[in-house]
Amino acid sequence: MRNSCKQTHKEKYLAVMEQVIPCEMLPKEFSPHYPDPKGAGLRPKSLERMLCIYWMLHWYNLSDPAMEESLYDSYAMREFSRVDLG
């Protein structure tokens, strides 16, 4: 959590959703359908991270570019989706 006394509405909402959605368990269900390329090339991002981002796209009605921008702007969204900019 960031160094602030006040928790934003978005942080509260995403904390509740973190409890409701078993992010760690879902990849087991979806992994057979997620690409696992062999050989050279870029690896896809983790399934857990992509599911979290996908849900936020829908919860906040964002386009892909707006979601990308939100991940840079919002600590709460980065924390929920386990994105580290550092």
N, C-alpha and C. Protein backbone atom coordinates (compact mmCIF):
# COMPACT_ATOMS: atom_id res chain seq x y z
N MET A 1 0.84 -1.18 0.00
CA MET A 1 0.00 0.00 0.00
C MET A 1 0.88 1.23 0.00
N ARG A 2 0.41 2.28 -0.59
CA ARG A 2 1.21 3.51 -0.66
C ARG A 2 1.21 4.23 0.67
N ASN A 3 2.02 5.24 0.79
CA ASN A 3 2.19 5.98 2.04
C ASN A 3 1.14 7.07 2.17
N SER A 4 -0.10 6.70 2.30
CA SER A 4 -1.17 7.68 2.45
C SER A 4 -2.15 7.17 3.50
N CYS A 5 -2.69 8.08 4.27
CA CYS A 5 -3.64 7.71 5.31
C CYS A 5 -5.00 7.38 4.73
N LYS A 6 -5.38 8.09 3.69
CA LYS A 6 -6.71 7.91 3.10
C LYS A 6 -6.67 6.88 1.98
N GLN A 7 -7.60 5.96 2.03
CA GLN A 7 -7.72 4.95 0.99
C GLN A 7 -8.75 5.44 -0.01
N THR A 8 -8.41 5.44 -1.29
CA THR A 8 -9.32 5.93 -2.32
C THR A 8 -10.45 4.92 -2.55
N HIS A 9 -11.50 5.39 -3.21
CA HIS A 9 -12.63 4.53 -3.55
C HIS A 9 -12.14 3.37 -4.42
N LYS A 10 -11.27 3.66 -5.37
CA LYS A 10 -10.75 2.63 -6.27
C LYS A 10 -9.96 1.59 -5.49
N GLU A 11 -9.15 2.03 -4.53
CA GLU A 11 -8.38 1.09 -3.71
C GLU A 11 -9.30 0.20 -2.88
N LYS A 12 -10.35 0.78 -2.33
CA LYS A 12 -11.32 -0.01 -1.55
C LYS A 12 -12.03 -1.03 -2.43
N TYR A 13 -12.47 -0.59 -3.60
CA TYR A 13 -13.19 -1.48 -4.52
C TYR A 13 -12.29 -2.64 -4.96
N LEU A 14 -11.07 -2.33 -5.36
CA LEU A 14 -10.16 -3.37 -5.83
C LEU A 14 -9.75 -4.31 -4.70
N ALA A 15 -9.68 -3.81 -3.48
CA ALA A 15 -9.39 -4.68 -2.33
C ALA A 15 -10.52 -5.68 -2.11
N VAL A 16 -11.75 -5.23 -2.28
CA VAL A 16 -12.90 -6.14 -2.16
C VAL A 16 -12.87 -7.16 -3.29
N MET A 17 -12.61 -6.71 -4.50
CA MET A 17 -12.57 -7.63 -5.64
C MET A 17 -11.44 -8.64 -5.50
N GLU A 18 -10.35 -8.23 -4.89
CA GLU A 18 -9.23 -9.14 -4.63
C GLU A 18 -9.69 -10.31 -3.74
N GLN A 19 -10.60 -10.02 -2.80
CA GLN A 19 -11.13 -11.06 -1.92
C GLN A 19 -12.17 -11.93 -2.62
N VAL A 20 -12.94 -11.32 -3.52
CA VAL A 20 -14.04 -12.02 -4.20
C VAL A 20 -13.52 -12.96 -5.29
N ILE A 21 -12.53 -12.50 -6.03
CA ILE A 21 -12.02 -13.26 -7.16
C ILE A 21 -10.73 -13.96 -6.76
N PRO A 22 -10.70 -15.27 -6.85
CA PRO A 22 -9.49 -16.01 -6.47
C PRO A 22 -8.44 -15.94 -7.58
N CYS A 23 -7.74 -14.82 -7.67
CA CYS A 23 -6.78 -14.59 -8.76
C CYS A 23 -5.72 -15.68 -8.86
N GLU A 24 -5.30 -16.24 -7.74
CA GLU A 24 -4.25 -17.25 -7.76
C GLU A 24 -4.77 -18.60 -8.27
N MET A 25 -6.07 -18.85 -8.11
CA MET A 25 -6.62 -20.15 -8.49
C MET A 25 -7.08 -20.18 -9.95
N LEU A 26 -7.50 -19.05 -10.48
CA LEU A 26 -8.06 -19.04 -11.83
C LEU A 26 -7.09 -19.45 -12.94
N PRO A 27 -5.83 -19.09 -12.87
CA PRO A 27 -4.94 -19.52 -13.96
C PRO A 27 -4.94 -21.03 -14.19
N LYS A 28 -5.15 -21.82 -13.16
CA LYS A 28 -5.20 -23.27 -13.34
C LYS A 28 -6.35 -23.66 -14.27
N GLU A 29 -7.47 -22.93 -14.18
CA GLU A 29 -8.63 -23.22 -15.00
C GLU A 29 -8.43 -22.78 -16.46
N PHE A 30 -7.76 -21.64 -16.63
CA PHE A 30 -7.61 -21.05 -17.96
C PHE A 30 -6.32 -21.45 -18.67
N SER A 31 -5.33 -21.94 -17.96
CA SER A 31 -4.01 -22.18 -18.55
C SER A 31 -4.01 -23.09 -19.77
N PRO A 32 -4.89 -24.10 -19.86
CA PRO A 32 -4.87 -24.91 -21.09
C PRO A 32 -5.25 -24.11 -22.34
N HIS A 33 -5.90 -22.97 -22.16
CA HIS A 33 -6.35 -22.17 -23.29
C HIS A 33 -5.49 -20.94 -23.52
N TYR A 34 -4.44 -20.78 -22.73
CA TYR A 34 -3.57 -19.61 -22.83
C TYR A 34 -2.32 -19.99 -23.60
N PRO A 35 -1.85 -19.10 -24.50
CA PRO A 35 -0.70 -19.47 -25.34
C PRO A 35 0.56 -19.74 -24.54
N ASP A 36 1.28 -20.75 -24.96
CA ASP A 36 2.57 -21.07 -24.38
C ASP A 36 3.52 -21.32 -25.55
N PRO A 37 4.01 -20.24 -26.17
CA PRO A 37 4.82 -20.40 -27.38
C PRO A 37 6.15 -21.09 -27.10
N LYS A 38 6.57 -21.88 -28.02
CA LYS A 38 7.86 -22.56 -27.92
C LYS A 38 8.88 -21.80 -28.76
N GLY A 39 10.12 -21.88 -28.40
CA GLY A 39 11.19 -21.28 -29.20
C GLY A 39 11.38 -19.81 -28.91
N ALA A 40 11.96 -19.12 -29.89
CA ALA A 40 12.29 -17.70 -29.73
C ALA A 40 11.03 -16.85 -29.79
N GLY A 41 11.16 -15.65 -29.32
CA GLY A 41 10.03 -14.72 -29.36
C GLY A 41 9.64 -14.25 -27.98
N LEU A 42 8.76 -13.27 -27.97
CA LEU A 42 8.30 -12.70 -26.70
C LEU A 42 7.35 -13.65 -26.00
N ARG A 43 7.52 -13.77 -24.73
CA ARG A 43 6.62 -14.58 -23.91
C ARG A 43 5.40 -13.75 -23.55
N PRO A 44 4.21 -14.36 -23.51
CA PRO A 44 3.04 -13.61 -23.05
C PRO A 44 3.17 -13.27 -21.57
N LYS A 45 2.48 -12.23 -21.16
CA LYS A 45 2.45 -11.86 -19.74
C LYS A 45 1.75 -12.95 -18.97
N SER A 46 1.93 -12.96 -17.66
CA SER A 46 1.32 -14.02 -16.85
C SER A 46 -0.20 -13.99 -16.99
N LEU A 47 -0.78 -15.15 -16.97
CA LEU A 47 -2.23 -15.26 -17.11
C LEU A 47 -2.94 -14.54 -15.97
N GLU A 48 -2.43 -14.64 -14.77
CA GLU A 48 -3.04 -13.97 -13.61
C GLU A 48 -3.08 -12.46 -13.85
N ARG A 49 -1.98 -11.88 -14.31
CA ARG A 49 -1.91 -10.44 -14.57
C ARG A 49 -2.89 -10.05 -15.68
N MET A 50 -2.94 -10.83 -16.72
CA MET A 50 -3.82 -10.49 -17.85
C MET A 50 -5.30 -10.59 -17.45
N LEU A 51 -5.66 -11.55 -16.62
CA LEU A 51 -7.04 -11.65 -16.15
C LEU A 51 -7.42 -10.45 -15.30
N CYS A 52 -6.52 -10.03 -14.43
CA CYS A 52 -6.79 -8.86 -13.59
C CYS A 52 -6.97 -7.61 -14.45
N ILE A 53 -6.14 -7.44 -15.45
CA ILE A 53 -6.25 -6.29 -16.34
C ILE A 53 -7.55 -6.37 -17.14
N TYR A 54 -7.89 -7.56 -17.62
CA TYR A 54 -9.12 -7.76 -18.38
C TYR A 54 -10.35 -7.37 -17.54
N TRP A 55 -10.38 -7.81 -16.28
CA TRP A 55 -11.52 -7.46 -15.43
C TRP A 55 -11.62 -5.96 -15.22
N MET A 56 -10.48 -5.30 -14.98
CA MET A 56 -10.51 -3.84 -14.78
C MET A 56 -10.97 -3.12 -16.04
N LEU A 57 -10.60 -3.64 -17.22
CA LEU A 57 -11.09 -3.06 -18.47
C LEU A 57 -12.61 -2.97 -18.45
N HIS A 58 -13.24 -4.05 -18.00
CA HIS A 58 -14.71 -4.11 -17.99
C HIS A 58 -15.32 -3.36 -16.82
N TRP A 59 -14.75 -3.47 -15.65
CA TRP A 59 -15.30 -2.79 -14.47
C TRP A 59 -15.31 -1.28 -14.65
N TYR A 60 -14.26 -0.76 -15.28
CA TYR A 60 -14.13 0.68 -15.44
C TYR A 60 -14.44 1.15 -16.86
N ASN A 61 -14.91 0.22 -17.71
CA ASN A 61 -15.32 0.54 -19.09
C ASN A 61 -14.21 1.30 -19.84
N LEU A 62 -13.03 0.70 -19.88
CA LEU A 62 -11.87 1.32 -20.50
C LEU A 62 -11.51 0.63 -21.81
N SER A 63 -10.96 1.41 -22.74
CA SER A 63 -10.38 0.84 -23.95
C SER A 63 -8.99 0.31 -23.59
N ASP A 64 -8.38 -0.44 -24.50
CA ASP A 64 -7.02 -0.93 -24.24
C ASP A 64 -6.04 0.22 -23.99
N PRO A 65 -6.03 1.27 -24.85
CA PRO A 65 -5.10 2.37 -24.58
C PRO A 65 -5.41 3.09 -23.25
N ALA A 66 -6.69 3.23 -22.91
CA ALA A 66 -7.06 3.88 -21.65
C ALA A 66 -6.64 3.02 -20.46
N MET A 67 -6.71 1.71 -20.60
CA MET A 67 -6.27 0.81 -19.53
C MET A 67 -4.77 0.94 -19.33
N GLU A 68 -4.04 0.99 -20.42
CA GLU A 68 -2.59 1.15 -20.32
C GLU A 68 -2.24 2.46 -19.60
N GLU A 69 -2.91 3.53 -19.98
CA GLU A 69 -2.69 4.82 -19.33
C GLU A 69 -3.05 4.75 -17.84
N SER A 70 -4.14 4.06 -17.53
CA SER A 70 -4.58 3.94 -16.14
C SER A 70 -3.57 3.17 -15.29
N LEU A 71 -2.90 2.19 -15.89
CA LEU A 71 -1.89 1.44 -15.15
C LEU A 71 -0.71 2.34 -14.78
N TYR A 72 -0.41 3.31 -15.63
CA TYR A 72 0.65 4.27 -15.29
C TYR A 72 0.17 5.25 -14.23
N ASP A 73 -1.10 5.65 -14.30
CA ASP A 73 -1.63 6.69 -13.42
C ASP A 73 -2.08 6.18 -12.06
N SER A 74 -2.58 4.97 -11.99
CA SER A 74 -3.25 4.49 -10.78
C SER A 74 -2.43 3.44 -10.03
N TYR A 75 -2.01 3.82 -8.84
CA TYR A 75 -1.30 2.87 -7.97
C TYR A 75 -2.20 1.67 -7.66
N ALA A 76 -3.47 1.93 -7.39
CA ALA A 76 -4.40 0.85 -7.02
C ALA A 76 -4.53 -0.18 -8.14
N MET A 77 -4.58 0.29 -9.38
CA MET A 77 -4.69 -0.65 -10.50
C MET A 77 -3.40 -1.44 -10.70
N ARG A 78 -2.27 -0.79 -10.52
CA ARG A 78 -0.99 -1.51 -10.63
C ARG A 78 -0.89 -2.56 -9.54
N GLU A 79 -1.29 -2.21 -8.34
CA GLU A 79 -1.23 -3.13 -7.21
C GLU A 79 -2.14 -4.33 -7.45
N PHE A 80 -3.36 -4.08 -7.92
CA PHE A 80 -4.33 -5.16 -8.15
C PHE A 80 -3.82 -6.12 -9.24
N SER A 81 -3.25 -5.57 -10.29
CA SER A 81 -2.80 -6.42 -11.41
C SER A 81 -1.35 -6.87 -11.29
N ARG A 82 -0.71 -6.49 -10.18
CA ARG A 82 0.68 -6.89 -9.91
C ARG A 82 1.64 -6.41 -10.99
N VAL A 83 1.45 -5.18 -11.44
CA VAL A 83 2.33 -4.56 -12.43
C VAL A 83 3.34 -3.71 -11.69
N ASP A 84 4.62 -3.94 -11.98
CA ASP A 84 5.70 -3.18 -11.35
C ASP A 84 6.37 -2.33 -12.40
N LEU A 85 6.32 -1.04 -12.24
CA LEU A 85 6.92 -0.13 -13.21
C LEU A 85 8.41 0.08 -12.95
N GLY A 86 8.87 -0.36 -11.80
CA GLY A 86 10.23 -0.09 -11.38
C GLY A 86 11.22 -1.01 -11.94
